Amino acid sequence: MSATSATPSSGSSAAQSPQSKRPRKRLATGYRILLISLSSLIVAGLLFVAIRMFGYVEGTEFAPKHFQTRRFSFYEIPLVHWQITPIRRVSTTPETARYLTQSKTLVMPNSVPTRWDLVEIKHGVQSLEPRDPALLVDHLRLMEDGTAVWKQWSKKNPKLAKQFWPTIDKLADRELYILIPRLMELTRDVEDVATLKTVVADYLAEEYVSLIRDMRDAERDELADALLAEALEESPNNPELQSLKKDRQTADPVGQT
């Protein structure tokens, strides 16, 4: 009797064993899902903080053919530099530049700018990185005692301004920003147009000669020839420019015919 009753009891225990394991499997699966979810949230949170701290990009651009500046900003994924938000742009044209175009000291095309040169850029917490156009834009921004310095100079010297600013505009259009600060320094205290023309012509001719020689040494002959042609238009009688022209004709008589 006792042997007969023991057999069902043993079978019942064996039958319940798989069922008792199912809750444990469900619990383990739940823990895994929770762990994955928490890990994803942590990664997303860290990425969000990294983007907020290091992924914000801002800077300034300058349109040399229109004498306008604008500020831009967007977010990117740091390190890989993947842009993740649209670019936001806001006009920031300095007071001096606005005066020059509004007063017709500079006559700009009546069109939307298509060329923008990078003035400065900043990635995240890094320092602002200026580029060559900043050499001009910093002067356009220059203020003393709440007054725009070069706007005031242009208003006091309208004839000089009419002669001076188109030259600056031409240098910017040629991306020769590096020549601008010294030229502005040389002409700031000039009092008559004739002297201004002489100062500008002599300075630019000297700098063009140096640039053309550097370009020739670097075997950038096409760029050197183009700059020489432009320089000769402005200073056709300059002996050093004429000498460079003769040297080029001697070195490449076919290309100069």
Protein backbone atom coordinates (compact mmCIF):
# COMPACT_ATOMS: atom_id res chain seq x y z
CA MET A 1 0.00 0.00 0.00
CA SER A 2 2.74 2.43 0.91
CA ALA A 3 4.76 1.52 -2.17
CA THR A 4 1.76 2.16 -4.41
CA SER A 5 1.14 5.62 -2.93
CA ALA A 6 4.80 6.68 -3.28
CA THR A 7 4.85 6.41 -7.06
CA PRO A 8 2.28 9.17 -7.85
CA SER A 9 3.97 11.49 -5.37
CA SER A 10 7.31 11.15 -7.17
CA GLY A 11 5.74 11.73 -10.57
CA SER A 12 3.92 14.85 -9.37
CA SER A 13 7.17 16.40 -8.14
CA ALA A 14 8.87 15.71 -11.46
CA ALA A 15 5.96 17.18 -13.37
CA GLN A 16 6.11 20.46 -11.40
CA SER A 17 9.84 20.99 -11.93
CA PRO A 18 9.70 22.60 -15.46
CA GLN A 19 6.87 24.88 -14.38
CA SER A 20 8.83 26.16 -11.40
CA LYS A 21 11.70 27.24 -13.74
CA ARG A 22 9.52 29.44 -15.99
CA PRO A 23 9.15 32.32 -13.51
CA ARG A 24 12.92 32.35 -13.07
CA LYS A 25 13.43 32.63 -16.86
CA ARG A 26 10.90 35.43 -17.06
CA LEU A 27 12.62 37.21 -14.18
CA ALA A 28 16.04 36.87 -15.86
CA THR A 29 14.61 38.17 -19.15
CA GLY A 30 13.07 41.11 -17.31
CA TYR A 31 16.40 41.95 -15.68
CA ARG A 32 18.14 41.87 -19.07
CA ILE A 33 15.55 44.18 -20.61
CA LEU A 34 15.84 46.54 -17.65
CA LEU A 35 19.64 46.49 -17.86
CA ILE A 36 19.59 47.22 -21.60
CA SER A 37 17.07 50.03 -21.08
CA LEU A 38 19.13 51.59 -18.29
CA SER A 39 22.34 51.28 -20.34
CA SER A 40 20.64 52.91 -23.32
CA LEU A 41 19.39 55.75 -21.15
CA ILE A 42 22.85 56.28 -19.67
CA VAL A 43 24.51 56.28 -23.10
CA ALA A 44 21.85 58.65 -24.46
CA GLY A 45 22.30 60.93 -21.45
CA LEU A 46 26.08 61.00 -21.83
CA LEU A 47 25.76 61.67 -25.56
CA PHE A 48 23.30 64.50 -24.87
CA VAL A 49 25.68 66.08 -22.35
CA ALA A 50 28.64 65.66 -24.74
CA ILE A 51 26.72 67.27 -27.59
CA ARG A 52 25.58 70.17 -25.40
CA MET A 53 29.11 70.78 -24.11
CA PHE A 54 31.30 69.92 -27.09
CA GLY A 55 29.01 69.73 -30.12
CA TYR A 56 27.88 73.36 -30.36
CA VAL A 57 29.47 75.06 -33.36
CA GLU A 58 29.29 78.79 -34.00
CA GLY A 59 31.12 81.27 -36.14
CA THR A 60 31.01 84.24 -38.49
CA GLU A 61 31.17 84.55 -42.28
CA PHE A 62 31.91 87.54 -44.51
CA ALA A 63 30.61 88.19 -48.03
CA PRO A 64 33.35 90.25 -49.75
CA LYS A 65 31.22 91.18 -52.77
CA HIS A 66 28.47 92.59 -50.53
CA PHE A 67 30.38 93.69 -47.38
CA GLN A 68 28.03 91.73 -45.13
CA THR A 69 28.66 89.45 -42.17
CA ARG A 70 26.45 86.80 -40.64
CA ARG A 71 26.66 84.55 -37.62
CA PHE A 72 25.93 80.82 -37.93
CA SER A 73 25.40 78.06 -35.37
CA PHE A 74 24.44 74.40 -35.26
CA TYR A 75 24.99 71.22 -33.25
CA GLU A 76 27.15 68.31 -34.33
CA ILE A 77 28.28 64.99 -32.85
CA PRO A 78 31.77 65.65 -31.43
CA LEU A 79 34.83 63.94 -32.90
CA VAL A 80 33.03 62.64 -36.01
CA HIS A 81 31.63 66.14 -36.80
CA TRP A 82 28.22 64.90 -37.98
CA GLN A 83 25.83 67.83 -38.17
CA ILE A 84 22.55 66.96 -36.40
CA THR A 85 20.62 70.26 -36.47
CA PRO A 86 19.91 72.77 -39.23
CA ILE A 87 22.27 75.74 -39.55
CA ARG A 88 20.87 78.90 -37.97
CA ARG A 89 22.07 82.18 -39.52
CA VAL A 90 21.67 85.75 -38.26
CA SER A 91 22.90 88.95 -39.93
CA THR A 92 25.64 90.70 -37.93
CA THR A 93 26.95 93.26 -40.43
CA PRO A 94 29.03 95.85 -38.52
CA GLU A 95 27.97 99.49 -38.37
CA THR A 96 30.90 100.61 -40.53
CA ALA A 97 30.08 98.13 -43.30
CA ARG A 98 26.41 99.16 -43.29
CA TYR A 99 27.40 102.82 -43.59
CA LEU A 100 29.72 102.13 -46.53
CA THR A 101 27.01 100.43 -48.55
CA GLN A 102 24.15 102.74 -47.52
CA SER A 103 26.19 105.87 -48.33
CA LYS A 104 27.21 104.35 -51.70
CA THR A 105 30.86 104.64 -50.73
CA LEU A 106 30.88 101.03 -51.86
CA VAL A 107 28.46 100.09 -54.64
CA MET A 108 27.45 96.49 -54.07
CA PRO A 109 25.52 94.18 -56.42
CA ASN A 110 21.77 94.03 -55.89
CA SER A 111 21.69 90.29 -55.34
CA VAL A 112 21.89 87.67 -52.63
CA PRO A 113 25.50 86.85 -51.65
CA THR A 114 26.68 83.48 -52.90
CA ARG A 115 30.24 83.59 -51.58
CA TRP A 116 30.90 83.62 -47.85
CA ASP A 117 34.43 83.54 -46.41
CA LEU A 118 34.89 82.05 -42.95
CA VAL A 119 35.91 84.74 -40.46
CA GLU A 120 36.03 82.72 -37.26
CA ILE A 121 34.72 79.44 -35.85
CA LYS A 122 34.36 77.85 -32.43
CA HIS A 123 33.74 74.18 -31.59
CA GLY A 124 32.25 73.51 -28.15
CA VAL A 125 34.42 74.83 -25.33
CA GLN A 126 37.41 75.43 -27.58
CA SER A 127 38.73 78.94 -28.17
CA LEU A 128 37.52 80.97 -31.12
CA GLU A 129 39.65 80.27 -34.21
CA PRO A 130 40.08 83.39 -36.41
CA ARG A 131 40.78 83.07 -40.14
CA ASP A 132 42.24 85.59 -42.61
CA PRO A 133 38.96 87.52 -43.21
CA ALA A 134 39.05 88.49 -39.53
CA LEU A 135 41.90 90.85 -40.45
CA LEU A 136 39.31 93.02 -42.22
CA VAL A 137 36.20 92.30 -40.15
CA ASP A 138 37.98 93.25 -36.91
CA HIS A 139 38.58 96.72 -38.39
CA LEU A 140 34.96 96.99 -39.49
CA ARG A 141 33.92 96.14 -35.91
CA LEU A 142 36.43 98.51 -34.30
CA MET A 143 34.79 100.85 -31.76
CA GLU A 144 36.21 103.64 -29.60
CA ASP A 145 34.07 105.32 -26.94
CA GLY A 146 30.95 103.85 -28.53
CA THR A 147 31.82 105.17 -31.99
CA ALA A 148 32.56 103.04 -35.05
CA VAL A 149 36.11 104.17 -35.86
CA TRP A 150 36.18 103.59 -39.61
CA LYS A 151 32.64 104.85 -40.10
CA GLN A 152 33.65 108.09 -38.42
CA TRP A 153 36.80 108.31 -40.56
CA SER A 154 34.78 107.72 -43.73
CA LYS A 155 32.23 110.41 -42.80
CA LYS A 156 34.99 112.93 -42.08
CA ASN A 157 36.91 112.04 -45.25
CA PRO A 158 34.33 111.16 -47.93
CA LYS A 159 36.69 111.73 -50.88
CA LEU A 160 39.38 109.58 -49.30
CA ALA A 161 36.81 106.93 -48.43
CA LYS A 162 35.59 106.78 -52.04
CA GLN A 163 39.14 106.05 -53.13
CA PHE A 164 40.17 103.82 -50.23
CA TRP A 165 37.32 101.36 -49.64
CA PRO A 166 37.04 100.01 -53.21
CA THR A 167 40.70 99.03 -52.89
CA ILE A 168 39.96 97.20 -49.64
CA ASP A 169 36.98 95.52 -51.28
CA LYS A 170 39.16 94.40 -54.19
CA LEU A 171 41.74 92.88 -51.84
CA ALA A 172 39.00 91.02 -49.99
CA ASP A 173 37.58 89.74 -53.25
CA ARG A 174 41.06 88.43 -54.15
CA GLU A 175 41.32 86.85 -50.66
CA LEU A 176 44.36 89.01 -49.95
CA TYR A 177 43.12 89.84 -46.45
CA ILE A 178 46.65 89.63 -45.10
CA LEU A 179 47.54 92.91 -46.84
CA ILE A 180 44.66 94.89 -45.35
CA PRO A 181 45.75 95.73 -41.76
CA ARG A 182 49.01 97.38 -42.80
CA LEU A 183 47.30 99.30 -45.60
CA MET A 184 44.68 100.63 -43.19
CA GLU A 185 47.41 101.68 -40.80
CA LEU A 186 49.32 103.52 -43.54
CA THR A 187 46.31 105.44 -44.83
CA ARG A 188 44.51 106.33 -41.62
CA ASP A 189 46.26 109.69 -41.21
CA VAL A 190 46.50 110.62 -44.91
CA GLU A 191 44.79 113.93 -45.67
CA ASP A 192 44.50 114.17 -49.47
CA VAL A 193 43.52 111.87 -52.33
CA ALA A 194 46.78 112.23 -54.26
CA THR A 195 48.86 111.11 -51.29
CA LEU A 196 46.44 108.27 -50.61
CA LYS A 197 46.76 106.98 -54.16
CA THR A 198 50.55 107.08 -53.95
CA VAL A 199 50.68 105.33 -50.57
CA VAL A 200 48.27 102.62 -51.69
CA ALA A 201 49.98 102.05 -55.04
CA ASP A 202 53.49 101.87 -53.56
CA TYR A 203 52.49 99.54 -50.74
CA LEU A 204 50.48 97.16 -52.91
CA ALA A 205 53.13 97.05 -55.64
CA GLU A 206 55.77 96.11 -53.07
CA GLU A 207 53.56 93.41 -51.55
CA TYR A 208 52.48 92.08 -54.95
CA VAL A 209 56.11 91.73 -56.02
CA SER A 210 56.85 89.71 -52.89
CA LEU A 211 53.76 87.53 -53.33
CA ILE A 212 54.43 86.90 -57.01
CA ARG A 213 58.00 85.83 -56.30
CA ASP A 214 56.81 83.48 -53.56
CA MET A 215 54.24 81.99 -55.93
CA ARG A 216 56.87 81.50 -58.62
CA ASP A 217 59.17 79.79 -56.13
CA ALA A 218 56.29 77.50 -55.20
CA GLU A 219 55.68 76.80 -58.93
CA ARG A 220 52.21 78.34 -58.79
CA ASP A 221 52.81 80.17 -62.06
CA GLU A 222 49.18 80.57 -63.16
CA LEU A 223 48.24 82.28 -59.91
CA ALA A 224 51.38 84.42 -60.08
CA ASP A 225 50.59 85.47 -63.66
CA ALA A 226 47.03 86.41 -62.74
CA LEU A 227 48.19 88.52 -59.79
CA LEU A 228 50.89 90.16 -61.92
CA ALA A 229 48.33 91.13 -64.55
CA GLU A 230 46.09 92.70 -61.91
CA ALA A 231 49.03 94.49 -60.30
CA LEU A 232 50.13 95.95 -63.64
CA GLU A 233 46.63 97.32 -64.21
CA GLU A 234 46.96 99.31 -60.99
CA SER A 235 50.66 100.21 -61.28
CA PRO A 236 51.63 99.86 -64.96
CA ASN A 237 54.85 101.84 -64.60
CA ASN A 238 56.21 100.12 -61.51
CA PRO A 239 59.75 98.98 -62.43
CA GLU A 240 59.75 95.85 -60.27
CA LEU A 241 56.45 94.65 -61.72
CA GLN A 242 57.73 95.34 -65.22
CA SER A 243 60.87 93.36 -64.40
CA LEU A 244 58.77 90.41 -63.25
CA LYS A 245 56.81 90.59 -66.49
CA LYS A 246 60.01 90.50 -68.56
CA ASP A 247 61.39 87.61 -66.51
CA ARG A 248 58.21 85.66 -67.14
CA GLN A 249 58.31 86.39 -70.88
CA THR A 250 61.90 85.17 -71.00
CA ALA A 251 61.14 82.00 -69.05
CA ASP A 252 57.96 81.19 -71.00
CA PRO A 253 57.84 83.15 -74.28
CA VAL A 254 55.05 80.98 -75.73
CA GLY A 255 52.75 81.37 -72.75
CA GLN A 256 53.17 85.15 -72.69
CA THR A 257 52.45 85.83 -76.34
